[in-house]
Amino acid sequence: NFWQLREKVVELETNLADRAQQYGQEISDLQSRLAKLQSQLEHSEALRLNAEYQLTVSQQEITRLNEAVDEKSSELQSHNSASQGMISKLSERYQEWQHTMAVVQR
């Protein structure tokens, strides 16, 4: 009877050791997977931050370009107005010249 109990205790201890090893391996595997997932998460976060930075830089560049376009448009409108004024004056002078030529030819 004692030997049977002793044999049962050894069997249970062996079973317990096997399960502890199995659980230890599962824990190790899960910790490894967790580390990989954390690494992927950190990489994804770095990519997200880089994308946000690039977006900010792009938005700033777009703002700068829009301001440059507005400034150039304003310059062109001023130049256009000045050109229209010159055209009007030249047109008046041409009409005066034509009138003078018509009077001289009479």
PDB file of N, CA and C in Angstrom:
ATOM      1  N   ASN A   1       0.823  -1.190   0.000  1.00  0.00           N
ATOM      2  CA  ASN A   1       0.000   0.000   0.000  1.00  0.00           C
ATOM      3  C   ASN A   1       0.875   1.265   0.000  1.00  0.00           C
ATOM      4  N   PHE A   2       1.890   1.294   0.852  1.00  0.00           N
ATOM      5  CA  PHE A   2       2.819   2.419   0.911  1.00  0.00           C
ATOM      6  C   PHE A   2       3.491   2.635  -0.435  1.00  0.00           C
ATOM      7  N   TRP A   3       3.890   1.553  -1.050  1.00  0.00           N
ATOM      8  CA  TRP A   3       4.589   1.649  -2.331  1.00  0.00           C
ATOM      9  C   TRP A   3       3.645   2.139  -3.434  1.00  0.00           C
ATOM     10  N   GLN A   4       2.428   1.740  -3.331  1.00  0.00           N
ATOM     11  CA  GLN A   4       1.444   2.222  -4.301  1.00  0.00           C
ATOM     12  C   GLN A   4       1.244   3.735  -4.129  1.00  0.00           C
ATOM     13  N   LEU A   5       1.157   4.174  -2.876  1.00  0.00           N
ATOM     14  CA  LEU A   5       1.004   5.599  -2.624  1.00  0.00           C
ATOM     15  C   LEU A   5       2.253   6.348  -3.081  1.00  0.00           C
ATOM     16  N   ARG A   6       3.402   5.804  -2.791  1.00  0.00           N
ATOM     17  CA  ARG A   6       4.657   6.431  -3.202  1.00  0.00           C
ATOM     18  C   ARG A   6       4.712   6.522  -4.721  1.00  0.00           C
ATOM     19  N   GLU A   7       4.320   5.465  -5.397  1.00  0.00           N
ATOM     20  CA  GLU A   7       4.298   5.437  -6.864  1.00  0.00           C
ATOM     21  C   GLU A   7       3.321   6.483  -7.391  1.00  0.00           C
ATOM     22  N   LYS A   8       2.180   6.624  -6.750  1.00  0.00           N
ATOM     23  CA  LYS A   8       1.174   7.611  -7.157  1.00  0.00           C
ATOM     24  C   LYS A   8       1.714   9.038  -6.937  1.00  0.00           C
ATOM     25  N   VAL A   9       2.421   9.294  -5.839  1.00  0.00           N
ATOM     26  CA  VAL A   9       2.999  10.592  -5.558  1.00  0.00           C
ATOM     27  C   VAL A   9       4.045  10.936  -6.609  1.00  0.00           C
ATOM     28  N   VAL A  10       4.895   9.973  -6.956  1.00  0.00           N
ATOM     29  CA  VAL A  10       5.923  10.197  -7.985  1.00  0.00           C
ATOM     30  C   VAL A  10       5.255  10.499  -9.321  1.00  0.00           C
ATOM     31  N   GLU A  11       4.221   9.755  -9.635  1.00  0.00           N
ATOM     32  CA  GLU A  11       3.487   9.969 -10.889  1.00  0.00           C
ATOM     33  C   GLU A  11       2.876  11.378 -10.911  1.00  0.00           C
ATOM     34  N   LEU A  12       2.265  11.786  -9.808  1.00  0.00           N
ATOM     35  CA  LEU A  12       1.654  13.109  -9.728  1.00  0.00           C
ATOM     36  C   LEU A  12       2.717  14.199  -9.804  1.00  0.00           C
ATOM     37  N   GLU A  13       3.847  13.994  -9.147  1.00  0.00           N
ATOM     38  CA  GLU A  13       4.927  14.983  -9.209  1.00  0.00           C
ATOM     39  C   GLU A  13       5.473  15.099 -10.624  1.00  0.00           C
ATOM     40  N   THR A  14       5.625  13.966 -11.313  1.00  0.00           N
ATOM     41  CA  THR A  14       6.096  13.965 -12.702  1.00  0.00           C
ATOM     42  C   THR A  14       5.088  14.692 -13.589  1.00  0.00           C
ATOM     43  N   ASN A  15       3.819  14.374 -13.367  1.00  0.00           N
ATOM     44  CA  ASN A  15       2.754  15.025 -14.141  1.00  0.00           C
ATOM     45  C   ASN A  15       2.765  16.538 -13.885  1.00  0.00           C
ATOM     46  N   LEU A  16       2.931  16.919 -12.628  1.00  0.00           N
ATOM     47  CA  LEU A  16       2.973  18.329 -12.263  1.00  0.00           C
ATOM     48  C   LEU A  16       4.174  19.024 -12.904  1.00  0.00           C
ATOM     49  N   ALA A  17       5.324  18.367 -12.898  1.00  0.00           N
ATOM     50  CA  ALA A  17       6.527  18.933 -13.511  1.00  0.00           C
ATOM     51  C   ALA A  17       6.340  19.089 -15.017  1.00  0.00           C
ATOM     52  N   ASP A  18       5.723  18.085 -15.644  1.00  0.00           N
ATOM     53  CA  ASP A  18       5.465  18.158 -17.091  1.00  0.00           C
ATOM     54  C   ASP A  18       4.529  19.321 -17.413  1.00  0.00           C
ATOM     55  N   ARG A  19       3.472  19.464 -16.600  1.00  0.00           N
ATOM     56  CA  ARG A  19       2.532  20.561 -16.836  1.00  0.00           C
ATOM     57  C   ARG A  19       3.203  21.912 -16.581  1.00  0.00           C
ATOM     58  N   ALA A  20       4.010  22.001 -15.555  1.00  0.00           N
ATOM     59  CA  ALA A  20       4.712  23.252 -15.265  1.00  0.00           C
ATOM     60  C   ALA A  20       5.630  23.611 -16.431  1.00  0.00           C
ATOM     61  N   GLN A  21       6.316  22.609 -16.979  1.00  0.00           N
ATOM     62  CA  GLN A  21       7.183  22.865 -18.135  1.00  0.00           C
ATOM     63  C   GLN A  21       6.356  23.305 -19.336  1.00  0.00           C
ATOM     64  N   GLN A  22       5.222  22.618 -19.549  1.00  0.00           N
ATOM     65  CA  GLN A  22       4.340  22.959 -20.669  1.00  0.00           C
ATOM     66  C   GLN A  22       3.816  24.390 -20.505  1.00  0.00           C
ATOM     67  N   TYR A  23       3.349  24.743 -19.311  1.00  0.00           N
ATOM     68  CA  TYR A  23       2.846  26.089 -19.064  1.00  0.00           C
ATOM     69  C   TYR A  23       3.964  27.118 -19.187  1.00  0.00           C
ATOM     70  N   GLY A  24       5.147  26.760 -18.716  1.00  0.00           N
ATOM     71  CA  GLY A  24       6.298  27.657 -18.860  1.00  0.00           C
ATOM     72  C   GLY A  24       6.593  27.932 -20.321  1.00  0.00           C
ATOM     73  N   GLN A  25       6.513  26.891 -21.161  1.00  0.00           N
ATOM     74  CA  GLN A  25       6.748  27.054 -22.599  1.00  0.00           C
ATOM     75  C   GLN A  25       5.655  27.914 -23.226  1.00  0.00           C
ATOM     76  N   GLU A  26       4.390  27.684 -22.811  1.00  0.00           N
ATOM     77  CA  GLU A  26       3.288  28.488 -23.331  1.00  0.00           C
ATOM     78  C   GLU A  26       3.464  29.950 -22.934  1.00  0.00           C
ATOM     79  N   ILE A  27       3.859  30.173 -21.680  1.00  0.00           N
ATOM     80  CA  ILE A  27       4.087  31.550 -21.224  1.00  0.00           C
ATOM     81  C   ILE A  27       5.208  32.186 -22.029  1.00  0.00           C
ATOM     82  N   SER A  28       6.278  31.441 -22.249  1.00  0.00           N
ATOM     83  CA  SER A  28       7.404  31.955 -23.034  1.00  0.00           C
ATOM     84  C   SER A  28       6.963  32.296 -24.463  1.00  0.00           C
ATOM     85  N   ASP A  29       6.176  31.398 -25.066  1.00  0.00           N
ATOM     86  CA  ASP A  29       5.675  31.645 -26.429  1.00  0.00           C
ATOM     87  C   ASP A  29       4.778  32.887 -26.464  1.00  0.00           C
ATOM     88  N   LEU A  30       3.902  33.004 -25.468  1.00  0.00           N
ATOM     89  CA  LEU A  30       3.009  34.163 -25.419  1.00  0.00           C
ATOM     90  C   LEU A  30       3.799  35.455 -25.190  1.00  0.00           C
ATOM     91  N   GLN A  31       4.824  35.396 -24.341  1.00  0.00           N
ATOM     92  CA  GLN A  31       5.648  36.582 -24.117  1.00  0.00           C
ATOM     93  C   GLN A  31       6.397  36.972 -25.390  1.00  0.00           C
ATOM     94  N   SER A  32       6.839  35.990 -26.135  1.00  0.00           N
ATOM     95  CA  SER A  32       7.516  36.249 -27.410  1.00  0.00           C
ATOM     96  C   SER A  32       6.553  36.897 -28.400  1.00  0.00           C
ATOM     97  N   ARG A  33       5.342  36.350 -28.486  1.00  0.00           N
ATOM     98  CA  ARG A  33       4.335  36.934 -29.383  1.00  0.00           C
ATOM     99  C   ARG A  33       3.986  38.351 -28.954  1.00  0.00           C
ATOM    100  N   LEU A  34       3.879  38.559 -27.637  1.00  0.00           N
ATOM    101  CA  LEU A  34       3.571  39.884 -27.113  1.00  0.00           C
ATOM    102  C   LEU A  34       4.687  40.864 -27.465  1.00  0.00           C
ATOM    103  N   ALA A  35       5.935  40.438 -27.334  1.00  0.00           N
ATOM    104  CA  ALA A  35       7.067  41.302 -27.675  1.00  0.00           C
ATOM    105  C   ALA A  35       7.039  41.663 -29.157  1.00  0.00           C
ATOM    106  N   LYS A  36       6.722  40.692 -30.007  1.00  0.00           N
ATOM    107  CA  LYS A  36       6.633  40.958 -31.448  1.00  0.00           C
ATOM    108  C   LYS A  36       5.503  41.950 -31.745  1.00  0.00           C
ATOM    109  N   LEU A  37       4.362  41.751 -31.085  1.00  0.00           N
ATOM    110  CA  LEU A  37       3.233  42.662 -31.293  1.00  0.00           C
ATOM    111  C   LEU A  37       3.566  44.063 -30.794  1.00  0.00           C
ATOM    112  N   GLN A  38       4.241  44.142 -29.654  1.00  0.00           N
ATOM    113  CA  GLN A  38       4.645  45.457 -29.153  1.00  0.00           C
ATOM    114  C   GLN A  38       5.613  46.129 -30.119  1.00  0.00           C
ATOM    115  N   SER A  39       6.520  45.351 -30.684  1.00  0.00           N
ATOM    116  CA  SER A  39       7.465  45.900 -31.659  1.00  0.00           C
ATOM    117  C   SER A  39       6.725  46.403 -32.896  1.00  0.00           C
ATOM    118  N   GLN A  40       5.774  45.611 -33.362  1.00  0.00           N
ATOM    119  CA  GLN A  40       4.979  46.030 -34.523  1.00  0.00           C
ATOM    120  C   GLN A  40       4.177  47.289 -34.205  1.00  0.00           C
ATOM    121  N   LEU A  41       3.636  47.352 -32.995  1.00  0.00           N
ATOM    122  CA  LEU A  41       2.873  48.524 -32.584  1.00  0.00           C
ATOM    123  C   LEU A  41       3.771  49.755 -32.547  1.00  0.00           C
ATOM    124  N   GLU A  42       4.963  49.622 -31.996  1.00  0.00           N
ATOM    125  CA  GLU A  42       5.897  50.744 -31.945  1.00  0.00           C
ATOM    126  C   GLU A  42       6.301  51.182 -33.357  1.00  0.00           C
ATOM    127  N   HIS A  43       6.515  50.203 -34.233  1.00  0.00           N
ATOM    128  CA  HIS A  43       6.857  50.521 -35.626  1.00  0.00           C
ATOM    129  C   HIS A  43       5.697  51.259 -36.299  1.00  0.00           C
ATOM    130  N   SER A  44       4.485  50.760 -36.077  1.00  0.00           N
ATOM    131  CA  SER A  44       3.305  51.411 -36.658  1.00  0.00           C
ATOM    132  C   SER A  44       3.135  52.818 -36.110  1.00  0.00           C
ATOM    133  N   GLU A  45       3.399  52.996 -34.824  1.00  0.00           N
ATOM    134  CA  GLU A  45       3.292  54.314 -34.215  1.00  0.00           C
ATOM    135  C   GLU A  45       4.330  55.259 -34.823  1.00  0.00           C
ATOM    136  N   ALA A  46       5.539  54.743 -35.040  1.00  0.00           N
ATOM    137  CA  ALA A  46       6.581  55.568 -35.673  1.00  0.00           C
ATOM    138  C   ALA A  46       6.160  55.962 -37.085  1.00  0.00           C
ATOM    139  N   LEU A  47       5.568  55.023 -37.818  1.00  0.00           N
ATOM    140  CA  LEU A  47       5.088  55.330 -39.170  1.00  0.00           C
ATOM    141  C   LEU A  47       3.979  56.374 -39.122  1.00  0.00           C
ATOM    142  N   ARG A  48       3.066  56.243 -38.143  1.00  0.00           N
ATOM    143  CA  ARG A  48       1.973  57.203 -38.012  1.00  0.00           C
ATOM    144  C   ARG A  48       2.521  58.596 -37.701  1.00  0.00           C
ATOM    145  N   LEU A  49       3.468  58.662 -36.781  1.00  0.00           N
ATOM    146  CA  LEU A  49       4.053  59.956 -36.436  1.00  0.00           C
ATOM    147  C   LEU A  49       4.771  60.572 -37.631  1.00  0.00           C
ATOM    148  N   ASN A  50       5.479  59.737 -38.391  1.00  0.00           N
ATOM    149  CA  ASN A  50       6.167  60.233 -39.585  1.00  0.00           C
ATOM    150  C   ASN A  50       5.154  60.731 -40.617  1.00  0.00           C
ATOM    151  N   ALA A  51       4.066  60.002 -40.773  1.00  0.00           N
ATOM    152  CA  ALA A  51       3.029  60.425 -41.728  1.00  0.00           C
ATOM    153  C   ALA A  51       2.401  61.746 -41.279  1.00  0.00           C
ATOM    154  N   GLU A  52       2.161  61.895 -39.974  1.00  0.00           N
ATOM    155  CA  GLU A  52       1.614  63.156 -39.467  1.00  0.00           C
ATOM    156  C   GLU A  52       2.590  64.301 -39.721  1.00  0.00           C
ATOM    157  N   TYR A  53       3.876  64.045 -39.500  1.00  0.00           N
ATOM    158  CA  TYR A  53       4.890  65.069 -39.746  1.00  0.00           C
ATOM    159  C   TYR A  53       4.904  65.457 -41.224  1.00  0.00           C
ATOM    160  N   GLN A  54       4.904  64.455 -42.102  1.00  0.00           N
ATOM    161  CA  GLN A  54       4.915  64.726 -43.539  1.00  0.00           C
ATOM    162  C   GLN A  54       3.663  65.491 -43.948  1.00  0.00           C
ATOM    163  N   LEU A  55       2.532  65.153 -43.352  1.00  0.00           N
ATOM    164  CA  LEU A  55       1.287  65.867 -43.640  1.00  0.00           C
ATOM    165  C   LEU A  55       1.400  67.329 -43.215  1.00  0.00           C
ATOM    166  N   THR A  56       1.952  67.552 -42.037  1.00  0.00           N
ATOM    167  CA  THR A  56       2.127  68.923 -41.550  1.00  0.00           C
ATOM    168  C   THR A  56       3.057  69.710 -42.468  1.00  0.00           C
ATOM    169  N   VAL A  57       4.161  69.085 -42.864  1.00  0.00           N
ATOM    170  CA  VAL A  57       5.110  69.742 -43.763  1.00  0.00           C
ATOM    171  C   VAL A  57       4.420  70.055 -45.092  1.00  0.00           C
ATOM    172  N   SER A  58       3.654  69.106 -45.604  1.00  0.00           N
ATOM    173  CA  SER A  58       2.945  69.310 -46.877  1.00  0.00           C
ATOM    174  C   SER A  58       1.917  70.436 -46.756  1.00  0.00           C
ATOM    175  N   GLN A  59       1.195  70.461 -45.638  1.00  0.00           N
ATOM    176  CA  GLN A  59       0.210  71.522 -45.441  1.00  0.00           C
ATOM    177  C   GLN A  59       0.889  72.886 -45.358  1.00  0.00           C
ATOM    178  N   GLN A  60       2.034  72.943 -44.690  1.00  0.00           N
ATOM    179  CA  GLN A  60       2.773  74.201 -44.611  1.00  0.00           C
ATOM    180  C   GLN A  60       3.256  74.628 -45.999  1.00  0.00           C
ATOM    181  N   GLU A  61       3.718  73.671 -46.791  1.00  0.00           N
ATOM    182  CA  GLU A  61       4.176  73.973 -48.147  1.00  0.00           C
ATOM    183  C   GLU A  61       3.014  74.457 -49.014  1.00  0.00           C
ATOM    184  N   ILE A  62       1.859  73.819 -48.861  1.00  0.00           N
ATOM    185  CA  ILE A  62       0.672  74.249 -49.612  1.00  0.00           C
ATOM    186  C   ILE A  62       0.293  75.672 -49.218  1.00  0.00           C
ATOM    187  N   THR A  63       0.337  75.972 -47.919  1.00  0.00           N
ATOM    188  CA  THR A  63       0.025  77.324 -47.451  1.00  0.00           C
ATOM    189  C   THR A  63       1.002  78.321 -48.050  1.00  0.00           C
ATOM    190  N   ARG A  64       2.293  77.976 -48.015  1.00  0.00           N
ATOM    191  CA  ARG A  64       3.312  78.861 -48.577  1.00  0.00           C
ATOM    192  C   ARG A  64       3.083  79.076 -50.078  1.00  0.00           C
ATOM    193  N   LEU A  65       2.786  78.002 -50.793  1.00  0.00           N
ATOM    194  CA  LEU A  65       2.544  78.119 -52.230  1.00  0.00           C
ATOM    195  C   LEU A  65       1.289  78.942 -52.517  1.00  0.00           C
ATOM    196  N   ASN A  66       0.235  78.734 -51.716  1.00  0.00           N
ATOM    197  CA  ASN A  66      -0.993  79.534 -51.901  1.00  0.00           C
ATOM    198  C   ASN A  66      -0.716  81.008 -51.669  1.00  0.00           C
ATOM    199  N   GLU A  67       0.089  81.316 -50.662  1.00  0.00           N
ATOM    200  CA  GLU A  67       0.440  82.716 -50.408  1.00  0.00           C
ATOM    201  C   GLU A  67       1.238  83.293 -51.573  1.00  0.00           C
ATOM    202  N   ALA A  68       2.162  82.491 -52.114  1.00  0.00           N
ATOM    203  CA  ALA A  68       2.958  82.950 -53.258  1.00  0.00           C
ATOM    204  C   ALA A  68       2.064  83.169 -54.477  1.00  0.00           C
ATOM    205  N   VAL A  69       1.110  82.272 -54.685  1.00  0.00           N
ATOM    206  CA  VAL A  69       0.176  82.416 -55.806  1.00  0.00           C
ATOM    207  C   VAL A  69      -0.672  83.677 -55.625  1.00  0.00           C
ATOM    208  N   ASP A  70      -1.160  83.901 -54.399  1.00  0.00           N
ATOM    209  CA  ASP A  70      -1.955  85.106 -54.128  1.00  0.00           C
ATOM    210  C   ASP A  70      -1.135  86.368 -54.384  1.00  0.00           C
ATOM    211  N   GLU A  71       0.115  86.360 -53.941  1.00  0.00           N
ATOM    212  CA  GLU A  71       0.990  87.523 -54.151  1.00  0.00           C
ATOM    213  C   GLU A  71       1.230  87.746 -55.640  1.00  0.00           C
ATOM    214  N   LYS A  72       1.512  86.681 -56.371  1.00  0.00           N
ATOM    215  CA  LYS A  72       1.763  86.801 -57.806  1.00  0.00           C
ATOM    216  C   LYS A  72       0.499  87.267 -58.520  1.00  0.00           C
ATOM    217  N   SER A  73      -0.650  86.744 -58.096  1.00  0.00           N
ATOM    218  CA  SER A  73      -1.924  87.156 -58.693  1.00  0.00           C
ATOM    219  C   SER A  73      -2.158  88.646 -58.469  1.00  0.00           C
ATOM    220  N   SER A  74      -1.852  89.105 -57.262  1.00  0.00           N
ATOM    221  CA  SER A  74      -2.005  90.526 -56.958  1.00  0.00           C
ATOM    222  C   SER A  74      -1.073  91.364 -57.829  1.00  0.00           C
ATOM    223  N   GLU A  75       0.165  90.909 -57.979  1.00  0.00           N
ATOM    224  CA  GLU A  75       1.122  91.615 -58.839  1.00  0.00           C
ATOM    225  C   GLU A  75       0.608  91.667 -60.276  1.00  0.00           C
ATOM    226  N   LEU A  76       0.094  90.545 -60.761  1.00  0.00           N
ATOM    227  CA  LEU A  76      -0.402  90.499 -62.134  1.00  0.00           C
ATOM    228  C   LEU A  76      -1.626  91.391 -62.316  1.00  0.00           C
ATOM    229  N   GLN A  77      -2.491  91.440 -61.300  1.00  0.00           N
ATOM    230  CA  GLN A  77      -3.655  92.322 -61.393  1.00  0.00           C
ATOM    231  C   GLN A  77      -3.219  93.788 -61.433  1.00  0.00           C
ATOM    232  N   SER A  78      -2.222  94.136 -60.613  1.00  0.00           N
ATOM    233  CA  SER A  78      -1.707  95.506 -60.634  1.00  0.00           C
ATOM    234  C   SER A  78      -1.092  95.816 -62.003  1.00  0.00           C
ATOM    235  N   HIS A  79      -0.301  94.879 -62.506  1.00  0.00           N
ATOM    236  CA  HIS A  79       0.322  95.069 -63.821  1.00  0.00           C
ATOM    237  C   HIS A  79      -0.752  95.178 -64.902  1.00  0.00           C
ATOM    238  N   ASN A  80      -1.792  94.356 -64.789  1.00  0.00           N
ATOM    239  CA  ASN A  80      -2.888  94.378 -65.757  1.00  0.00           C
ATOM    240  C   ASN A  80      -3.607  95.727 -65.720  1.00  0.00           C
ATOM    241  N   SER A  81      -3.848  96.233 -64.507  1.00  0.00           N
ATOM    242  CA  SER A  81      -4.506  97.537 -64.380  1.00  0.00           C
ATOM    243  C   SER A  81      -3.646  98.633 -65.004  1.00  0.00           C
ATOM    244  N   ALA A  82      -2.346  98.586 -64.715  1.00  0.00           N
ATOM    245  CA  ALA A  82      -1.435  99.579 -65.296  1.00  0.00           C
ATOM    246  C   ALA A  82      -1.432  99.467 -66.814  1.00  0.00           C
ATOM    247  N   SER A  83      -1.418  98.237 -67.312  1.00  0.00           N
ATOM    248  CA  SER A  83      -1.434  98.034 -68.771  1.00  0.00           C
ATOM    249  C   SER A  83      -2.732  98.558 -69.375  1.00  0.00           C
ATOM    250  N   GLN A  84      -3.859  98.327 -68.725  1.00  0.00           N
ATOM    251  CA  GLN A  84      -5.140  98.819 -69.218  1.00  0.00           C
ATOM    252  C   GLN A  84      -5.135 100.350 -69.271  1.00  0.00           C
ATOM    253  N   GLY A  85      -4.544 100.965 -68.234  1.00  0.00           N
ATOM    254  CA  GLY A  85      -4.446 102.434 -68.225  1.00  0.00           C
ATOM    255  C   GLY A  85      -3.609 102.928 -69.383  1.00  0.00           C
ATOM    256  N   MET A  86      -2.490 102.266 -69.631  1.00  0.00           N
ATOM    257  CA  MET A  86      -1.624 102.669 -70.746  1.00  0.00           C
ATOM    258  C   MET A  86      -2.331 102.458 -72.074  1.00  0.00           C
ATOM    259  N   ILE A  87      -3.057 101.352 -72.188  1.00  0.00           N
ATOM    260  CA  ILE A  87      -3.789 101.083 -73.428  1.00  0.00           C
ATOM    261  C   ILE A  87      -4.835 102.176 -73.657  1.00  0.00           C
ATOM    262  N   SER A  88      -5.546 102.557 -72.596  1.00  0.00           N
ATOM    263  CA  SER A  88      -6.554 103.618 -72.716  1.00  0.00           C
ATOM    264  C   SER A  88      -5.912 104.924 -73.174  1.00  0.00           C
ATOM    265  N   LYS A  89      -4.775 105.302 -72.545  1.00  0.00           N
ATOM    266  CA  LYS A  89      -4.091 106.541 -72.925  1.00  0.00           C
ATOM    267  C   LYS A  89      -3.606 106.478 -74.365  1.00  0.00           C
ATOM    268  N   LEU A  90      -3.016 105.330 -74.744  1.00  0.00           N
ATOM    269  CA  LEU A  90      -2.529 105.192 -76.126  1.00  0.00           C
ATOM    270  C   LEU A  90      -3.677 105.216 -77.119  1.00  0.00           C
ATOM    271  N   SER A  91      -4.800 104.621 -76.730  1.00  0.00           N
ATOM    272  CA  SER A  91      -5.970 104.619 -77.600  1.00  0.00           C
ATOM    273  C   SER A  91      -6.478 106.055 -77.796  1.00  0.00           C
ATOM    274  N   GLU A  92      -6.529 106.831 -76.690  1.00  0.00           N
ATOM    275  CA  GLU A  92      -6.950 108.243 -76.787  1.00  0.00           C
ATOM    276  C   GLU A  92      -5.982 109.012 -77.671  1.00  0.00           C
ATOM    277  N   ARG A  93      -4.696 108.807 -77.486  1.00  0.00           N
ATOM    278  CA  ARG A  93      -3.700 109.533 -78.294  1.00  0.00           C
ATOM    279  C   ARG A  93      -3.808 109.128 -79.758  1.00  0.00           C
ATOM    280  N   TYR A  94      -4.076 107.839 -79.999  1.00  0.00           N
ATOM    281  CA  TYR A  94      -4.231 107.391 -81.386  1.00  0.00           C
ATOM    282  C   TYR A  94      -5.448 108.048 -82.028  1.00  0.00           C
ATOM    283  N   GLN A  95      -6.535 108.085 -81.283  1.00  0.00           N
ATOM    284  CA  GLN A  95      -7.741 108.738 -81.809  1.00  0.00           C
ATOM    285  C   GLN A  95      -7.481 110.225 -82.063  1.00  0.00           C
ATOM    286  N   GLU A  96      -6.767 110.879 -81.156  1.00  0.00           N
ATOM    287  CA  GLU A  96      -6.401 112.285 -81.359  1.00  0.00           C
ATOM    288  C   GLU A  96      -5.519 112.433 -82.591  1.00  0.00           C
ATOM    289  N   TRP A  97      -4.592 111.529 -82.758  1.00  0.00           N
ATOM    290  CA  TRP A  97      -3.698 111.568 -83.905  1.00  0.00           C
ATOM    291  C   TRP A  97      -4.499 111.385 -85.187  1.00  0.00           C
ATOM    292  N   GLN A  98      -5.433 110.396 -85.172  1.00  0.00           N
ATOM    293  CA  GLN A  98      -6.264 110.181 -86.356  1.00  0.00           C
ATOM    294  C   GLN A  98      -7.089 111.429 -86.663  1.00  0.00           C
ATOM    295  N   HIS A  99      -7.625 112.042 -85.635  1.00  0.00           N
ATOM    296  CA  HIS A  99      -8.408 113.265 -85.814  1.00  0.00           C
ATOM    297  C   HIS A  99      -7.526 114.365 -86.421  1.00  0.00           C
ATOM    298  N   THR A 100      -6.313 114.512 -85.863  1.00  0.00           N
ATOM    299  CA  THR A 100      -5.392 115.522 -86.358  1.00  0.00           C
ATOM    300  C   THR A 100      -5.042 115.244 -87.815  1.00  0.00           C
ATOM    301  N   MET A 101      -4.786 114.002 -88.144  1.00  0.00           N
ATOM    302  CA  MET A 101      -4.444 113.622 -89.524  1.00  0.00           C
ATOM    303  C   MET A 101      -5.606 113.916 -90.458  1.00  0.00           C
ATOM    304  N   ALA A 102      -6.826 113.659 -89.986  1.00  0.00           N
ATOM    305  CA  ALA A 102      -8.014 113.924 -90.821  1.00  0.00           C
ATOM    306  C   ALA A 102      -8.131 115.431 -91.060  1.00  0.00           C
ATOM    307  N   VAL A 103      -7.859 116.251 -90.039  1.00  0.00           N
ATOM    308  CA  VAL A 103      -7.953 117.703 -90.169  1.00  0.00           C
ATOM    309  C   VAL A 103      -6.859 118.183 -91.114  1.00  0.00           C
ATOM    310  N   VAL A 104      -5.658 117.642 -90.982  1.00  0.00           N
ATOM    311  CA  VAL A 104      -4.520 118.073 -91.817  1.00  0.00           C
ATOM    312  C   VAL A 104      -4.781 117.695 -93.274  1.00  0.00           C
ATOM    313  N   GLN A 105      -5.409 116.602 -93.541  1.00  0.00           N
ATOM    314  CA  GLN A 105      -5.610 116.148 -94.919  1.00  0.00           C
ATOM    315  C   GLN A 105      -6.746 116.913 -95.611  1.00  0.00           C
ATOM    316  N   ARG A 106      -7.507 117.677 -94.924  1.00  0.00           N
ATOM    317  CA  ARG A 106      -8.613 118.410 -95.548  1.00  0.00           C
ATOM    318  C   ARG A 106      -8.113 119.532 -96.301  1.00  0.00           C
TER     319      ARG A 106
END
